[in-house]
Protein backbone atom coordinates (compact mmCIF):
# COMPACT_ATOMS: atom_id res chain seq x y z
CA MET A 1 -0.12 0.01 0.23
CA SER A 2 1.02 3.57 -0.40
CA ASP A 3 1.77 5.70 2.48
CA ILE A 4 -1.36 7.68 2.30
CA ALA A 5 -3.34 4.48 2.28
CA ASP A 6 -0.82 3.06 5.27
CA ARG A 7 -2.01 6.42 7.15
CA ALA A 8 -5.49 6.25 6.28
CA GLU A 9 -5.94 2.88 7.33
CA SER A 10 -3.86 3.71 11.11
CA LEU A 11 -6.45 6.83 11.97
CA VAL A 12 -9.23 4.55 12.02
CA ARG A 13 -10.47 2.44 14.83
CA HIS A 14 -10.19 -1.14 14.84
CA ASP A 15 -13.19 -2.74 16.40
CA ASP A 16 -15.19 -3.91 13.74
CA GLN A 17 -17.41 -0.66 13.80
CA GLY A 18 -14.55 1.61 11.81
CA GLY A 19 -15.52 5.24 12.23
CA PHE A 20 -14.00 7.51 14.95
CA PRO A 21 -13.80 8.83 18.82
CA ALA A 22 -17.33 10.15 18.96
CA GLN A 23 -16.75 14.13 18.79
CA GLN A 24 -18.75 17.36 18.18
CA GLN A 25 -17.97 20.84 17.06
CA GLU A 26 -20.18 23.74 16.61
CA PRO A 27 -20.09 24.42 12.51
CA PRO A 28 -18.20 25.09 10.73
CA GLY A 29 -15.51 23.08 12.45
CA LEU A 30 -11.37 23.32 12.82
CA THR A 31 -8.93 20.33 11.79
CA SER A 32 -7.07 21.11 15.26
CA ARG A 33 -10.14 20.09 17.24
CA MET A 34 -10.40 16.98 15.16
CA ASP A 35 -9.29 13.69 16.76
CA PRO A 36 -7.59 12.33 15.08
CA THR A 37 -5.94 15.05 12.72
CA PRO A 38 -7.10 14.13 9.27
CA ASP A 39 -4.42 13.45 6.42
CA HIS A 40 -3.74 16.07 3.42
CA GLY A 41 -0.84 14.63 2.49
CA GLU A 42 1.61 16.70 3.80
CA GLU A 43 4.17 14.20 4.55
CA THR A 44 3.40 11.92 1.66
CA TYR A 45 2.25 13.97 -1.64
CA VAL A 46 4.79 14.08 -3.93
CA GLY A 47 4.42 16.55 -6.85
CA HIS A 48 5.74 16.21 -10.47
CA GLY A 49 4.86 19.73 -11.89
CA LYS A 50 1.69 18.74 -13.38
CA LEU A 51 0.01 22.25 -12.39
CA GLU A 52 3.39 24.49 -13.62
CA GLY A 53 2.73 28.10 -13.88
CA ARG A 54 -1.26 27.46 -12.79
CA ARG A 55 -3.27 29.83 -10.59
CA ALA A 56 -6.09 28.25 -9.06
CA PHE A 57 -8.70 29.43 -6.75
CA ILE A 58 -10.14 26.44 -4.28
CA THR A 59 -13.29 27.40 -1.94
CA GLY A 60 -13.84 25.81 1.24
CA GLY A 61 -9.94 25.92 1.07
CA ASP A 62 -8.95 26.11 4.38
CA SER A 63 -9.48 22.41 5.77
CA GLY A 64 -10.75 18.68 4.47
CA ILE A 65 -10.40 18.11 0.90
CA GLY A 66 -10.11 21.45 -0.06
CA ARG A 67 -6.56 22.03 2.05
CA ALA A 68 -5.49 18.49 0.86
CA VAL A 69 -5.78 20.06 -2.86
CA ALA A 70 -4.65 23.04 -1.87
CA ILE A 71 -1.09 21.41 -0.75
CA ALA A 72 -1.06 19.05 -3.77
CA TYR A 73 -1.91 21.82 -6.15
CA ALA A 74 1.35 23.88 -4.74
CA ARG A 75 3.34 20.79 -4.87
CA GLU A 76 2.20 20.41 -8.85
CA GLY A 77 3.79 23.76 -9.36
CA ALA A 78 0.66 26.08 -9.12
CA ASP A 79 -0.09 29.05 -6.96
CA VAL A 80 -3.02 28.93 -4.80
CA ALA A 81 -5.84 31.04 -3.36
CA ILE A 82 -8.11 29.32 -0.49
CA GLY A 83 -11.16 30.55 0.01
CA TYR A 84 -12.94 30.12 3.40
CA LEU A 85 -15.45 31.35 5.97
CA PRO A 86 -13.57 34.30 8.33
CA SER A 87 -13.99 31.51 11.89
CA GLU A 88 -11.52 29.30 9.93
CA GLN A 89 -8.82 31.99 9.83
CA SER A 90 -6.63 29.91 11.59
CA ASP A 91 -7.08 26.66 9.42
CA ALA A 92 -6.72 28.91 6.76
CA GLU A 93 -3.64 30.15 7.45
CA ASP A 94 -1.99 27.19 8.02
CA THR A 95 -3.13 25.63 4.72
CA ALA A 96 -1.55 29.08 3.13
CA GLU A 97 2.05 27.68 5.19
CA TRP A 98 1.75 24.83 3.39
CA VAL A 99 1.37 26.07 0.34
CA GLU A 100 3.90 28.50 1.02
CA ASN A 101 6.37 25.60 2.16
CA ALA A 102 5.75 24.44 -1.55
CA GLY A 103 7.13 27.37 -3.22
CA GLY A 104 3.87 28.86 -4.05
CA THR A 105 1.94 32.00 -3.42
CA ALA A 106 -0.66 31.69 -1.51
CA VAL A 107 -3.46 33.99 -1.29
CA LEU A 108 -6.57 34.31 1.70
CA VAL A 109 -10.10 34.83 0.19
CA PRO A 110 -11.98 35.34 3.50
CA GLY A 111 -15.94 35.69 2.91
CA ASP A 112 -19.13 33.57 3.26
CA LEU A 113 -20.50 32.48 -0.06
CA VAL A 114 -23.96 32.62 0.33
CA GLU A 115 -24.49 36.11 -1.35
CA ARG A 116 -23.81 36.41 -4.69
CA GLN A 117 -21.97 39.71 -3.72
CA THR A 118 -19.84 37.55 -1.85
CA CYS A 119 -19.03 34.98 -4.82
CA MET A 120 -18.13 37.92 -7.02
CA ARG A 121 -15.83 39.69 -4.46
CA ALA A 122 -13.88 36.47 -3.87
CA VAL A 123 -13.26 35.90 -7.62
CA ALA A 124 -12.15 39.30 -8.00
CA ASP A 125 -9.88 39.21 -4.74
CA ALA A 126 -8.71 35.45 -6.01
CA VAL A 127 -7.97 36.73 -9.68
CA ARG A 128 -6.19 39.94 -7.81
CA GLY A 129 -3.96 38.14 -5.80
CA LEU A 130 -3.08 35.53 -8.27
CA GLY A 131 -3.00 37.50 -11.12
CA GLY A 132 -4.98 35.50 -13.33
CA LEU A 133 -7.07 32.64 -12.91
CA ASP A 134 -6.74 29.00 -14.46
CA ILE A 135 -8.74 27.05 -12.98
CA LEU A 136 -11.79 26.97 -10.11
CA VAL A 137 -12.07 24.23 -7.45
CA ASN A 138 -15.87 25.10 -6.29
CA ASN A 139 -15.26 22.57 -3.19
CA ALA A 140 -16.95 24.73 -0.09
CA GLY A 141 -20.19 22.75 0.87
CA TYR A 142 -22.61 22.61 4.25
CA HIS A 143 -24.66 19.58 5.40
CA TRP A 144 -26.65 19.16 8.93
CA ASP A 145 -27.15 15.73 10.30
CA ARG A 146 -28.40 16.11 14.04
CA GLY A 147 -31.81 16.10 14.06
CA PRO A 148 -34.85 13.64 13.05
CA GLU A 149 -34.14 11.76 9.39
CA GLY A 150 -36.22 12.81 6.53
CA LEU A 151 -38.24 15.35 5.65
CA GLU A 152 -39.89 16.07 9.00
CA GLY A 153 -36.57 17.34 10.40
CA LEU A 154 -35.62 19.95 7.93
CA GLN A 155 -35.41 23.49 9.15
CA PRO A 156 -35.68 26.35 7.35
CA GLU A 157 -31.99 27.88 8.55
CA HIS A 158 -30.02 25.12 7.33
CA VAL A 159 -31.78 24.00 4.25
CA GLU A 160 -30.70 27.56 3.27
CA ARG A 161 -27.75 27.43 3.94
CA VAL A 162 -27.16 24.52 1.99
CA MET A 163 -28.71 25.28 -0.95
CA ARG A 164 -27.09 28.59 -1.18
CA THR A 165 -23.36 26.96 -0.02
CA ASN A 166 -23.70 24.16 -2.18
CA LEU A 167 -25.76 25.30 -5.25
CA HIS A 168 -26.19 28.85 -5.78
CA ALA A 169 -22.73 29.85 -4.68
CA VAL A 170 -21.01 27.19 -7.51
CA LEU A 171 -23.41 29.59 -10.53
CA TRP A 172 -22.16 32.65 -9.32
CA LEU A 173 -18.66 31.85 -8.84
CA CYS A 174 -18.24 30.48 -12.27
CA GLN A 175 -19.97 33.72 -14.03
CA ALA A 176 -17.71 35.74 -11.85
CA ALA A 177 -14.94 33.49 -13.26
CA LEU A 178 -15.24 33.09 -16.90
CA PRO A 179 -14.16 36.55 -17.94
CA HIS A 180 -11.07 35.15 -16.48
CA LEU A 181 -10.76 31.72 -17.95
CA ALA A 182 -8.94 30.87 -21.04
CA PRO A 183 -8.46 27.96 -23.29
CA GLY A 184 -6.91 25.31 -21.62
CA SER A 185 -8.64 26.84 -18.30
CA SER A 186 -10.89 23.65 -15.47
CA ILE A 187 -13.66 23.94 -13.25
CA ILE A 188 -14.02 21.20 -11.01
CA ASN A 189 -16.79 20.98 -8.45
CA THR A 190 -17.35 18.82 -5.57
CA THR A 191 -20.40 16.54 -5.61
CA SER A 192 -20.96 13.23 -3.46
CA ILE A 193 -21.42 10.05 -3.21
CA GLN A 194 -25.02 11.07 -1.91
CA ALA A 195 -26.07 12.66 -5.62
CA TYR A 196 -25.81 8.51 -6.08
CA ASP A 197 -27.04 6.46 -2.90
CA PRO A 198 -28.69 9.38 -0.80
CA SER A 199 -29.16 9.31 2.87
CA PRO A 200 -32.64 9.89 4.50
CA ALA A 201 -31.10 12.38 6.83
CA LEU A 202 -29.18 14.54 4.19
CA LEU A 203 -32.08 14.64 1.98
CA ASP A 204 -31.27 18.41 1.44
CA TYR A 205 -27.77 18.19 0.38
CA ALA A 206 -28.01 15.03 -1.72
CA ALA A 207 -30.43 16.57 -4.15
CA THR A 208 -27.74 19.67 -4.40
CA LYS A 209 -25.09 17.29 -5.07
CA ALA A 210 -27.33 15.56 -7.79
CA ALA A 211 -27.88 19.10 -9.09
CA LEU A 212 -23.97 19.66 -9.01
CA ASN A 213 -23.76 16.81 -11.55
CA ASN A 214 -26.57 17.86 -13.43
CA LEU A 215 -24.58 21.36 -13.74
CA THR A 216 -21.02 19.96 -14.27
CA VAL A 217 -22.15 18.45 -17.63
CA ASN A 218 -24.25 21.41 -18.45
CA LEU A 219 -21.19 23.53 -18.31
CA ALA A 220 -18.98 20.90 -19.78
CA ALA A 221 -21.16 21.61 -23.26
CA SER A 222 -21.53 25.03 -22.89
CA LEU A 223 -17.90 26.00 -21.91
CA GLY A 224 -16.44 23.43 -24.11
CA PRO A 225 -16.55 26.08 -27.32
CA LYS A 226 -14.27 28.29 -25.27
CA GLY A 227 -11.94 25.57 -24.34
CA ILE A 228 -12.63 25.45 -21.05
CA ARG A 229 -13.21 21.68 -19.48
CA VAL A 230 -15.67 21.52 -16.16
CA ASN A 231 -15.80 18.04 -14.39
CA ALA A 232 -16.59 17.24 -10.98
CA VAL A 233 -14.96 15.03 -7.84
CA ALA A 234 -17.60 12.92 -6.39
CA PRO A 235 -15.81 11.99 -2.70
CA GLY A 236 -17.56 9.34 -0.38
CA PRO A 237 -17.14 9.92 3.34
CA ILE A 238 -14.21 11.70 4.12
CA TRP A 239 -12.73 12.79 7.22
CA THR A 240 -13.08 16.57 7.59
CA PRO A 241 -14.07 19.15 10.15
CA LEU A 242 -17.45 19.17 8.86
CA GLN A 243 -18.32 15.85 9.96
CA PRO A 244 -18.12 16.26 13.77
CA ALA A 245 -19.47 19.54 12.89
CA THR A 246 -22.60 18.70 11.55
CA ARG A 247 -23.18 15.12 12.94
CA ASP A 248 -24.45 13.80 15.80
CA SER A 249 -21.28 12.86 17.69
CA LYS A 250 -22.31 9.01 18.18
CA LYS A 251 -22.62 9.16 13.95
CA ILE A 252 -18.88 9.49 14.22
CA GLU A 253 -17.95 6.60 15.63
CA THR A 254 -19.39 4.40 12.40
CA PHE A 255 -18.63 7.08 10.19
CA GLY A 256 -17.49 5.77 6.29
CA ALA A 257 -17.72 2.04 8.23
CA ASP A 258 -20.38 0.90 5.53
CA THR A 259 -17.98 1.57 2.62
CA PRO A 260 -17.18 -1.78 0.41
CA LEU A 261 -13.72 -0.66 1.75
CA GLY A 262 -15.04 -0.46 5.47
CA ARG A 263 -13.55 2.87 6.36
CA ALA A 264 -13.86 6.59 5.98
CA GLY A 265 -10.94 7.66 3.31
CA GLN A 266 -8.60 10.65 4.12
CA PRO A 267 -8.71 14.24 2.19
CA GLY A 268 -5.24 13.16 0.62
CA GLU A 269 -6.68 10.27 -0.71
CA VAL A 270 -8.95 12.51 -2.86
CA ALA A 271 -6.98 15.15 -3.53
CA PRO A 272 -4.94 13.11 -6.77
CA ALA A 273 -8.44 13.18 -8.61
CA TYR A 274 -8.15 17.09 -8.45
CA VAL A 275 -4.81 17.22 -9.63
CA PHE A 276 -5.38 14.60 -12.22
CA LEU A 277 -8.72 16.45 -13.63
CA ALA A 278 -6.69 19.92 -13.58
CA SER A 279 -3.67 18.71 -15.47
CA PRO A 280 -3.90 20.11 -19.19
CA ALA A 281 -1.36 17.39 -19.95
CA ASP A 282 -3.31 14.31 -18.03
CA ALA A 283 -6.77 15.38 -18.80
CA SER A 284 -6.93 17.56 -21.93
CA TYR A 285 -10.00 15.41 -23.51
CA VAL A 286 -11.69 14.95 -20.57
CA SER A 287 -14.78 17.11 -19.41
CA GLY A 288 -18.44 16.49 -18.55
CA THR A 289 -16.99 13.82 -16.30
CA VAL A 290 -17.69 12.69 -12.49
CA LEU A 291 -15.15 10.83 -11.23
CA GLY A 292 -15.91 8.74 -8.09
CA VAL A 293 -13.39 8.84 -5.19
CA THR A 294 -15.58 6.95 -3.08
CA GLY A 295 -14.06 3.73 -0.96
CA GLY A 296 -16.36 1.61 -3.31
CA GLY A 297 -19.94 2.89 -3.59
CA ALA A 298 -21.16 3.22 -7.06
CA VAL A 299 -21.68 6.46 -8.74
CA PHE A 300 -23.55 5.62 -11.94
């Protein structure tokens, strides 16, 4: 097995339940308070210059999958703008340090993307800081899984944030980024296994991820003539701050145990998919694709 896979295996419980120690945070959650700390590929990801000279804006780039992608992109030669909520400042600064240690430029872009104007400003700030834009990774996401399952448990404030963060923001970010994207540029959306195998407790979240799958294919058709590729990554259960911040602590104890591989994934195991899709050499003819990183869950 690879170093990252060995590390991922070492972080899960080995008592036939999978998962992690019971724990809970208030949203949006912080990496430093997680037990165990997720593996973002800090000690394992090795770059090969696949994104040399590229400029990427990653929303939700402070932690979890976003941090892993930021580290991987920097080690592949890219400069990275990191989008994050203001309350995640410490995580964002840690990620920026990893980017800079890899020799890349890191640009911090705080803001809550639930409003269109914030999305427009965030892209403008990223472009200004990076000197342009080649890759947009729409990774910021939100769900809520602490109440009764299904339709009866939906709360207006959570549904509103889920829809605005997961779907509305992607539309506005793509709209704002488009004037800056040249032929050869790439948009990558983060969807989810929930788009294919939805959980009743994540009814609204799953709906937004299914919509993102549709949007990805639609944008690929729309932007293909401009030479812009649009793809998505559909992760399965991944150990990120979103989990203890939005799930009941008891659900953390078995988180990911129901996958065919029997465990949750680590953010560092997802990042290579984003590198592949962003690479103008490796994925030059790949567009309109949803790439699953699910631990064996089907994405068709």
